[in-house]
């Protein structure tokens, strides 16, 4: 099953709920009471803090780390051919991959916007990996030649010739990790022994040709995310690359970036009519959406047996780390900064001021979800035992967090 279908449904439902909220429940931003003016000003400050101190730095880090990953994999391919590839080289690639992976997972509480509108999420993060199709692609001399020439469209060829279920993080993960460990030089010097590759005699060189081209595509799509949100504040070279790829990077029908659109809420041209609609976007389309995905899909599909192969990051065996980063993403969105404490201008601080009981409840459920996942991380990897007590405890704790997030969204919209 593709993640794309699951995300699309979740985002659609979020959009419908936001529309209803905006039409029926929100206080009018033009309200004249002193409290309304005060709250609107607070929400505007929360929005600025959130965009500038959560979204921007995470997408900047993601762009930088995927750029590093691409450069390292290109170098690894050339070193392999020269017979100089070392275990240190492979380990450095794996470390960079995990840093990029963590940045991506920490962005998933704001998958609304460019990640969804431009299909970036399914493009770079679909699973399970179609290993049979990958084996077939790597058996084609013509495809490998097209992927290998990075100076003459090799990265574009990855987008054109490799299916979405082989692209992105998990295609690369398969090449550089196996059974929860970094691949070794000896592995790459041998023949690929995965069952899907039986009889094809796929070499480490062929795998690294694929990984380098796909890493270039991953980098380009993460540049697109960065530029779509930061606009002119993004790295100039990244902007140039996005324009070279002819990727869209502004709000449809507008010249604004996604960051500008949110920061300019209530102004003519913004898709966000009120500051309360911004809060609902962050909480419902963002935080609640990823809660639903982690509990109901990322854990739930395999745990319930609905799809036992629906396991994220099976080759590095880092699924619980992915889930933990997803909930950390919610923590950052609530706190207005990438840390465990709430900034003065944050949703959590706002709730603490205006509804301390709800704030305490939200803090408790957030802490419980992170604690459950911390316990799961220290235990058996999800790919080994997806029906463990830790999986169930994590799923339940995230479900309870989701309920309170929606309670907070409803309260903010109505007060």
Foldseek 3Di string as FASTA:
>chain_A
DWVLVVLVVQLVVLVVVLVCLVVPFFDDCPDDDPVSVVVQVLLLLQLVLQLVFFVQVLLQQLLVLLVVLLVLLLVQLVCVVVVNRAQVSLVVSVVSLVSNLLSVLLNQLQCPDPVNVQVVCLQAFIDDAPVLQVLVQLLDPVLLVCLQPPVPCNLVSCVVPPDSSCAHSNVLLVLQFAPQHGDHSVCQQAFDDPPSNPPSRRHSSSSSSNNSSRSVNNSLSSLLSNCLSCPPNHDPVSVVSVVVVVGDRYDVPDPHRPNCLSSPACDPPRPHNGSLSSLSCSLRSRLLSLLCCVLCPQLNCCQVVVPVRSHGSLRSLCRLVSNLSNLLSNCCQQQSHNDNHRDCSGNLVVCCVVPVVLSVQLNVLSVQLNVLSVVVRPDDRCNVPSNDPSSVSNSVSSVSNSVSSVVSSSVSRND
